[in-house]
Structures are given as C-alpha cells and as structure tokens.
Amino acid sequence: MCLIQIVPVPTLLLSIALVAFQVAGARDNMAMVSNLVEKACKNMSSDILSRRAPRFDDKPCVSVLHSDKRTASAKDHGDLVVIAMDLLEKRSKEIAVKIESVLRDLKVHNRTEYAFQFCAADYAAMLRTLPACRNMFLGIKPLGKKVTMEDALGALGCVDRLGIAARDCGLELDNDWSGTKTDEYYSVMRYISLVWGLMEMATDYLDYWQDW
C-alpha cells in the first residue's frame, strides 16, 4: 500500500516563504560583498590611493580578490586585507620558485646570475616578513577604523618592508643587461599595493611615507 503524506497548507506556505527569505538573504549578502569589493578596487585607482605603482586596475583587482572563495563572505575591508595578504604570500612563493628555477638553469656566472641571486634573497626576506605583517594586522583588525595611528602605521610599515624588497628585486632586473626582466617579476608589487590600499581603508589612515 502506498501512503501519501498530506502537508497542511499553512505549513507548506511557511516552508516556501522560509526558502524564499533565505534565497533573498543570500542574494543581498552577495550584492553587499560585490559592492564592497568593487568600491575598494575603485578607491585603489583613485587620486588618493594612486601613489603606488604598479597596481591592479579596477577589473583585475576585483577578479584577484574573488579568486579566493572567502571573499564571498567578507564583511569589511579588514577581511579583504587578510585575504589579500594570503594571495600575496601565494604569489610571492610562486615567484620565489621561478627565481630558483632560473638560477638552476643558468650555465654561466654573469650579471644575470647576480641579479637573480639578489632577487632570491629579497623574496626569502619577504616570505619571512609576511607572517609578521599578517599577525600585526590581525592584532588590530578587531578595532577597525578605531585603531590608533601608531598601530596603523606600524602595520603599514611592515607592508612597506615587503614593497622595498620587491622593488629592490625589480631594480636588479632592470639593471640586468641581458633583458631577462619581465612583468612576471613585477606582478607581486601589484599584490603588495592591494594589501597596502586595503589596509589604509581598513584602518582609515593614509601613510604618505611609503618608500617603494
């Protein structure tokens, strides 16, 4: 015998309403996150935050942030800073591996080798410094825009170290007469600019003493 369960109409209507409410809430959250990311990326290409170069333009900036699934649940600029730092670390490791590969393949001791040796040292320093920068920001993140100027500039100063190391590598490759410099080695600076700009927005402080 086949038994058919009859659901009372009020209960069925309530279930449908609940599902519709959840779907609408999810859509509202996605729209809020999308607006947060798009505005942040637009600000980073504005006159106020355009001191740094190279940097991502609006669309690549949005694409890079959304490449991390956690961006879909980001609530503020502070959440985006942490995500951007992790993306920066991933990209820095990729470049560091590339540099080591280039060094292994070089057959002669020349200016090219010296340039990439300096770059290897720069990226090793960056990868040691990144966890410290991340921890510094996580310490002040709960304060949001109420963070003190000293703490905000301290965290930005740590990111400044990363920018200097990446810049020094870029300068070494610029001076390499063999023409091995490519945009690939400069790409990490766009990620550093992303972290920097988001951190300025998260803490509501602008650091005009950027050294890179």
C-alpha atoms as a PDB file:
ATOM      1  CA  MET A   1       0.000   0.000   0.000  1.00  0.00           C
ATOM      2  CA  CYS A   2       1.318   3.455  -0.913  1.00  0.00           C
ATOM      3  CA  LEU A   3       0.978   6.059   1.819  1.00  0.00           C
ATOM      4  CA  ILE A   4       0.730   9.708   0.836  1.00  0.00           C
ATOM      5  CA  GLN A   5       1.651  12.303   3.437  1.00  0.00           C
ATOM      6  CA  ILE A   6      -0.529  15.374   3.198  1.00  0.00           C
ATOM      7  CA  VAL A   7       1.204  18.539   4.392  1.00  0.00           C
ATOM      8  CA  PRO A   8      -1.150  21.175   5.836  1.00  0.00           C
ATOM      9  CA  VAL A   9      -1.386  24.233   3.580  1.00  0.00           C
ATOM     10  CA  PRO A  10      -0.193  26.745   6.256  1.00  0.00           C
ATOM     11  CA  THR A  11       2.930  24.624   6.914  1.00  0.00           C
ATOM     12  CA  LEU A  12       3.668  24.321   3.194  1.00  0.00           C
ATOM     13  CA  LEU A  13       3.280  28.061   2.679  1.00  0.00           C
ATOM     14  CA  LEU A  14       5.541  28.760   5.654  1.00  0.00           C
ATOM     15  CA  SER A  15       8.247  26.452   4.238  1.00  0.00           C
ATOM     16  CA  ILE A  16       8.074  28.165   0.845  1.00  0.00           C
ATOM     17  CA  ALA A  17       8.281  31.584   2.478  1.00  0.00           C
ATOM     18  CA  LEU A  18      11.293  30.499   4.545  1.00  0.00           C
ATOM     19  CA  VAL A  19      13.163  29.238   1.474  1.00  0.00           C
ATOM     20  CA  ALA A  20      12.370  32.448  -0.409  1.00  0.00           C
ATOM     21  CA  PHE A  21      13.621  34.502   2.549  1.00  0.00           C
ATOM     22  CA  GLN A  22      16.886  32.529   2.684  1.00  0.00           C
ATOM     23  CA  VAL A  23      17.448  32.937  -1.072  1.00  0.00           C
ATOM     24  CA  ALA A  24      16.760  36.673  -0.849  1.00  0.00           C
ATOM     25  CA  GLY A  25      19.155  36.962   2.098  1.00  0.00           C
ATOM     26  CA  ALA A  26      21.902  35.150   0.194  1.00  0.00           C
ATOM     27  CA  ARG A  27      21.398  37.451  -2.791  1.00  0.00           C
ATOM     28  CA  ASP A  28      21.543  40.542  -0.570  1.00  0.00           C
ATOM     29  CA  ASN A  29      24.790  39.293   1.009  1.00  0.00           C
ATOM     30  CA  MET A  30      26.350  38.628  -2.413  1.00  0.00           C
ATOM     31  CA  ALA A  31      25.348  42.108  -3.566  1.00  0.00           C
ATOM     32  CA  MET A  32      26.831  43.646  -0.406  1.00  0.00           C
ATOM     33  CA  VAL A  33      30.143  41.808  -0.852  1.00  0.00           C
ATOM     34  CA  SER A  34      30.276  42.691  -4.546  1.00  0.00           C
ATOM     35  CA  ASN A  35      29.683  46.350  -3.704  1.00  0.00           C
ATOM     36  CA  LEU A  36      32.390  46.254  -1.000  1.00  0.00           C
ATOM     37  CA  VAL A  37      34.970  44.760  -3.373  1.00  0.00           C
ATOM     38  CA  GLU A  38      34.112  46.998  -6.317  1.00  0.00           C
ATOM     39  CA  LYS A  39      34.251  50.182  -4.227  1.00  0.00           C
ATOM     40  CA  ALA A  40      37.548  49.139  -2.643  1.00  0.00           C
ATOM     41  CA  CYS A  41      39.115  48.438  -6.032  1.00  0.00           C
ATOM     42  CA  LYS A  42      37.805  51.717  -7.412  1.00  0.00           C
ATOM     43  CA  ASN A  43      39.286  53.617  -4.464  1.00  0.00           C
ATOM     44  CA  MET A  44      42.631  51.984  -5.110  1.00  0.00           C
ATOM     45  CA  SER A  45      42.769  53.533  -8.558  1.00  0.00           C
ATOM     46  CA  SER A  46      41.610  56.944  -7.317  1.00  0.00           C
ATOM     47  CA  ASP A  47      43.805  60.007  -6.912  1.00  0.00           C
ATOM     48  CA  ILE A  48      44.050  59.464  -3.150  1.00  0.00           C
ATOM     49  CA  LEU A  49      45.484  55.964  -3.388  1.00  0.00           C
ATOM     50  CA  SER A  50      47.286  56.188  -6.731  1.00  0.00           C
ATOM     51  CA  ARG A  51      50.750  56.893  -5.322  1.00  0.00           C
ATOM     52  CA  ARG A  52      51.778  53.267  -5.654  1.00  0.00           C
ATOM     53  CA  ALA A  53      52.825  51.653  -8.901  1.00  0.00           C
ATOM     54  CA  PRO A  54      52.442  49.141 -10.337  1.00  0.00           C
ATOM     55  CA  ARG A  55      48.941  48.290  -9.132  1.00  0.00           C
ATOM     56  CA  PHE A  56      45.845  46.459 -10.318  1.00  0.00           C
ATOM     57  CA  ASP A  57      43.244  48.363 -12.310  1.00  0.00           C
ATOM     58  CA  ASP A  58      39.610  48.069 -11.205  1.00  0.00           C
ATOM     59  CA  LYS A  59      38.584  44.882 -13.020  1.00  0.00           C
ATOM     60  CA  PRO A  60      41.765  42.845 -12.395  1.00  0.00           C
ATOM     61  CA  CYS A  61      41.584  43.926  -8.741  1.00  0.00           C
ATOM     62  CA  VAL A  62      38.020  42.589  -8.424  1.00  0.00           C
ATOM     63  CA  SER A  63      38.989  39.389 -10.235  1.00  0.00           C
ATOM     64  CA  VAL A  64      42.019  38.776  -7.992  1.00  0.00           C
ATOM     65  CA  LEU A  65      40.037  39.220  -4.774  1.00  0.00           C
ATOM     66  CA  HIS A  66      37.220  36.973  -5.986  1.00  0.00           C
ATOM     67  CA  SER A  67      39.762  34.273  -6.874  1.00  0.00           C
ATOM     68  CA  ASP A  68      39.654  33.451  -3.146  1.00  0.00           C
ATOM     69  CA  LYS A  69      36.364  31.842  -2.069  1.00  0.00           C
ATOM     70  CA  ARG A  70      36.489  33.617   1.303  1.00  0.00           C
ATOM     71  CA  THR A  71      35.827  36.939  -0.423  1.00  0.00           C
ATOM     72  CA  ALA A  72      32.180  35.870  -0.810  1.00  0.00           C
ATOM     73  CA  SER A  73      31.769  36.129   2.972  1.00  0.00           C
ATOM     74  CA  ALA A  74      33.934  39.226   3.575  1.00  0.00           C
ATOM     75  CA  LYS A  75      32.211  41.750   5.829  1.00  0.00           C
ATOM     76  CA  ASP A  76      34.593  44.690   5.663  1.00  0.00           C
ATOM     77  CA  HIS A  77      37.948  45.964   4.400  1.00  0.00           C
ATOM     78  CA  GLY A  78      39.695  44.172   7.263  1.00  0.00           C
ATOM     79  CA  ASP A  79      38.526  40.797   5.958  1.00  0.00           C
ATOM     80  CA  LEU A  80      39.770  41.753   2.487  1.00  0.00           C
ATOM     81  CA  VAL A  81      43.203  42.682   3.891  1.00  0.00           C
ATOM     82  CA  VAL A  82      43.669  39.172   5.306  1.00  0.00           C
ATOM     83  CA  ILE A  83      42.562  37.611   2.017  1.00  0.00           C
ATOM     84  CA  ALA A  84      44.884  39.905   0.023  1.00  0.00           C
ATOM     85  CA  MET A  85      47.803  39.009   2.302  1.00  0.00           C
ATOM     86  CA  ASP A  86      47.252  35.310   1.688  1.00  0.00           C
ATOM     87  CA  LEU A  87      47.056  35.930  -2.063  1.00  0.00           C
ATOM     88  CA  LEU A  88      50.285  37.940  -1.823  1.00  0.00           C
ATOM     89  CA  GLU A  89      52.020  35.109   0.021  1.00  0.00           C
ATOM     90  CA  LYS A  90      50.873  32.591  -2.594  1.00  0.00           C
ATOM     91  CA  ARG A  91      52.106  34.789  -5.454  1.00  0.00           C
ATOM     92  CA  SER A  92      55.422  35.500  -3.693  1.00  0.00           C
ATOM     93  CA  LYS A  93      56.061  31.773  -3.283  1.00  0.00           C
ATOM     94  CA  GLU A  94      55.355  31.217  -6.981  1.00  0.00           C
ATOM     95  CA  ILE A  95      57.857  33.918  -7.962  1.00  0.00           C
ATOM     96  CA  ALA A  96      60.444  32.604  -5.488  1.00  0.00           C
ATOM     97  CA  VAL A  97      60.185  29.150  -7.090  1.00  0.00           C
ATOM     98  CA  LYS A  98      60.538  30.726 -10.532  1.00  0.00           C
ATOM     99  CA  ILE A  99      63.673  32.586  -9.446  1.00  0.00           C
ATOM    100  CA  GLU A 100      65.246  29.411  -8.088  1.00  0.00           C
ATOM    101  CA  SER A 101      64.421  27.649 -11.357  1.00  0.00           C
ATOM    102  CA  VAL A 102      66.106  30.401 -13.384  1.00  0.00           C
ATOM    103  CA  LEU A 103      69.219  30.174 -11.201  1.00  0.00           C
ATOM    104  CA  ARG A 104      69.430  26.404 -11.639  1.00  0.00           C
ATOM    105  CA  ASP A 105      69.233  26.736 -15.412  1.00  0.00           C
ATOM    106  CA  LEU A 106      71.941  29.402 -15.742  1.00  0.00           C
ATOM    107  CA  LYS A 107      75.162  27.979 -17.146  1.00  0.00           C
ATOM    108  CA  VAL A 108      77.494  30.964 -16.729  1.00  0.00           C
ATOM    109  CA  HIS A 109      78.392  33.322 -13.919  1.00  0.00           C
ATOM    110  CA  ASN A 110      77.370  36.733 -15.180  1.00  0.00           C
ATOM    111  CA  ARG A 111      75.272  39.784 -14.391  1.00  0.00           C
ATOM    112  CA  THR A 112      72.059  37.798 -14.884  1.00  0.00           C
ATOM    113  CA  GLU A 113      73.029  35.320 -12.205  1.00  0.00           C
ATOM    114  CA  TYR A 114      73.883  38.080  -9.738  1.00  0.00           C
ATOM    115  CA  ALA A 115      70.550  39.830 -10.388  1.00  0.00           C
ATOM    116  CA  PHE A 116      68.576  36.678  -9.687  1.00  0.00           C
ATOM    117  CA  GLN A 117      70.693  35.852  -6.623  1.00  0.00           C
ATOM    118  CA  PHE A 118      69.761  39.246  -5.179  1.00  0.00           C
ATOM    119  CA  CYS A 119      66.121  38.576  -6.066  1.00  0.00           C
ATOM    120  CA  ALA A 120      66.242  35.192  -4.336  1.00  0.00           C
ATOM    121  CA  ALA A 121      67.479  36.927  -1.177  1.00  0.00           C
ATOM    122  CA  ASP A 122      64.779  39.611  -1.469  1.00  0.00           C
ATOM    123  CA  TYR A 123      61.971  37.081  -1.819  1.00  0.00           C
ATOM    124  CA  ALA A 124      63.312  34.943   1.017  1.00  0.00           C
ATOM    125  CA  ALA A 125      63.162  38.037   3.237  1.00  0.00           C
ATOM    126  CA  MET A 126      59.627  38.815   2.033  1.00  0.00           C
ATOM    127  CA  LEU A 127      58.381  35.325   2.845  1.00  0.00           C
ATOM    128  CA  ARG A 128      59.876  35.576   6.344  1.00  0.00           C
ATOM    129  CA  THR A 129      58.324  39.007   6.903  1.00  0.00           C
ATOM    130  CA  LEU A 130      54.822  38.254   5.595  1.00  0.00           C
ATOM    131  CA  PRO A 131      53.669  36.198   8.631  1.00  0.00           C
ATOM    132  CA  ALA A 132      54.769  39.028  10.936  1.00  0.00           C
ATOM    133  CA  CYS A 133      52.775  41.556   8.897  1.00  0.00           C
ATOM    134  CA  ARG A 134      49.742  39.288   8.951  1.00  0.00           C
ATOM    135  CA  ASN A 135      49.950  38.837  12.727  1.00  0.00           C
ATOM    136  CA  MET A 136      50.378  42.578  13.264  1.00  0.00           C
ATOM    137  CA  PHE A 137      47.243  43.314  11.292  1.00  0.00           C
ATOM    138  CA  LEU A 138      45.229  40.528  12.951  1.00  0.00           C
ATOM    139  CA  GLY A 139      46.111  42.167  16.273  1.00  0.00           C
ATOM    140  CA  ILE A 140      44.493  45.460  15.284  1.00  0.00           C
ATOM    141  CA  LYS A 141      41.799  44.143  12.908  1.00  0.00           C
ATOM    142  CA  PRO A 142      39.025  43.937  15.564  1.00  0.00           C
ATOM    143  CA  LEU A 143      39.433  47.682  16.205  1.00  0.00           C
ATOM    144  CA  GLY A 144      38.547  48.556  12.613  1.00  0.00           C
ATOM    145  CA  LYS A 145      38.647  52.282  11.975  1.00  0.00           C
ATOM    146  CA  LYS A 146      39.159  52.945  15.720  1.00  0.00           C
ATOM    147  CA  VAL A 147      42.747  51.703  15.562  1.00  0.00           C
ATOM    148  CA  THR A 148      45.400  54.125  16.802  1.00  0.00           C
ATOM    149  CA  MET A 149      47.607  55.906  14.305  1.00  0.00           C
ATOM    150  CA  GLU A 150      50.686  54.250  15.837  1.00  0.00           C
ATOM    151  CA  ASP A 151      49.294  50.743  15.342  1.00  0.00           C
ATOM    152  CA  ALA A 152      48.014  51.504  11.835  1.00  0.00           C
ATOM    153  CA  LEU A 153      51.332  52.950  10.704  1.00  0.00           C
ATOM    154  CA  GLY A 154      53.148  50.035  12.337  1.00  0.00           C
ATOM    155  CA  ALA A 155      51.194  47.520  10.246  1.00  0.00           C
ATOM    156  CA  LEU A 156      51.626  49.628   7.105  1.00  0.00           C
ATOM    157  CA  GLY A 157      55.348  49.907   7.883  1.00  0.00           C
ATOM    158  CA  CYS A 158      55.588  46.127   7.835  1.00  0.00           C
ATOM    159  CA  VAL A 159      53.984  46.046   4.380  1.00  0.00           C
ATOM    160  CA  ASP A 160      56.449  48.768   3.395  1.00  0.00           C
ATOM    161  CA  ARG A 161      59.266  46.285   4.020  1.00  0.00           C
ATOM    162  CA  LEU A 162      57.683  43.908   1.511  1.00  0.00           C
ATOM    163  CA  GLY A 163      57.416  46.656  -1.080  1.00  0.00           C
ATOM    164  CA  ILE A 164      61.048  47.646  -0.640  1.00  0.00           C
ATOM    165  CA  ALA A 165      62.232  44.047  -1.121  1.00  0.00           C
ATOM    166  CA  ALA A 166      60.099  43.602  -4.255  1.00  0.00           C
ATOM    167  CA  ARG A 167      61.287  46.957  -5.592  1.00  0.00           C
ATOM    168  CA  ASP A 168      64.939  46.043  -4.997  1.00  0.00           C
ATOM    169  CA  CYS A 169      64.473  42.836  -6.980  1.00  0.00           C
ATOM    170  CA  GLY A 170      62.864  44.827  -9.773  1.00  0.00           C
ATOM    171  CA  LEU A 171      65.756  47.286  -9.825  1.00  0.00           C
ATOM    172  CA  GLU A 172      68.269  44.458 -10.063  1.00  0.00           C
ATOM    173  CA  LEU A 173      66.417  43.033 -13.050  1.00  0.00           C
ATOM    174  CA  ASP A 174      66.190  46.499 -14.614  1.00  0.00           C
ATOM    175  CA  ASN A 175      69.974  46.698 -14.453  1.00  0.00           C
ATOM    176  CA  ASP A 176      70.381  43.245 -15.978  1.00  0.00           C
ATOM    177  CA  TRP A 177      71.706  43.939 -19.460  1.00  0.00           C
ATOM    178  CA  SER A 178      70.667  40.551 -20.824  1.00  0.00           C
ATOM    179  CA  GLY A 179      66.997  41.598 -20.912  1.00  0.00           C
ATOM    180  CA  THR A 180      65.645  38.908 -18.595  1.00  0.00           C
ATOM    181  CA  LYS A 181      63.324  41.351 -16.836  1.00  0.00           C
ATOM    182  CA  THR A 182      59.671  40.505 -17.388  1.00  0.00           C
ATOM    183  CA  ASP A 183      56.406  41.756 -15.950  1.00  0.00           C
ATOM    184  CA  GLU A 184      56.094  38.445 -14.121  1.00  0.00           C
ATOM    185  CA  TYR A 185      58.631  39.577 -11.554  1.00  0.00           C
ATOM    186  CA  TYR A 186      56.836  42.883 -11.050  1.00  0.00           C
ATOM    187  CA  SER A 187      53.400  41.313 -10.599  1.00  0.00           C
ATOM    188  CA  VAL A 188      53.962  40.737  -6.898  1.00  0.00           C
ATOM    189  CA  MET A 189      54.159  44.506  -6.391  1.00  0.00           C
ATOM    190  CA  ARG A 190      50.539  44.762  -7.545  1.00  0.00           C
ATOM    191  CA  TYR A 191      49.568  42.388  -4.739  1.00  0.00           C
ATOM    192  CA  ILE A 192      51.557  44.456  -2.231  1.00  0.00           C
ATOM    193  CA  SER A 193      49.785  47.607  -3.445  1.00  0.00           C
ATOM    194  CA  LEU A 194      46.493  45.761  -2.987  1.00  0.00           C
ATOM    195  CA  VAL A 195      47.313  44.879   0.626  1.00  0.00           C
ATOM    196  CA  TRP A 196      48.540  48.414   1.298  1.00  0.00           C
ATOM    197  CA  GLY A 197      45.463  50.141  -0.105  1.00  0.00           C
ATOM    198  CA  LEU A 198      43.010  47.821   1.648  1.00  0.00           C
ATOM    199  CA  MET A 199      44.885  48.280   4.927  1.00  0.00           C
ATOM    200  CA  GLU A 200      44.661  52.055   4.595  1.00  0.00           C
ATOM    201  CA  MET A 201      40.904  51.732   4.088  1.00  0.00           C
ATOM    202  CA  ALA A 202      40.515  49.228   6.947  1.00  0.00           C
ATOM    203  CA  THR A 203      42.343  51.456   9.446  1.00  0.00           C
ATOM    204  CA  ASP A 204      41.277  54.814   7.968  1.00  0.00           C
ATOM    205  CA  TYR A 205      44.879  56.046   7.868  1.00  0.00           C
ATOM    206  CA  LEU A 206      46.942  57.132   4.860  1.00  0.00           C
ATOM    207  CA  ASP A 207      50.693  56.582   5.028  1.00  0.00           C
ATOM    208  CA  TYR A 208      52.458  59.191   2.919  1.00  0.00           C
ATOM    209  CA  TRP A 209      55.924  57.874   3.798  1.00  0.00           C
ATOM    210  CA  GLN A 210      55.784  54.861   1.541  1.00  0.00           C
ATOM    211  CA  ASP A 211      59.319  54.069   0.361  1.00  0.00           C
ATOM    212  CA  TRP A 212      58.774  51.952  -2.748  1.00  0.00           C
END
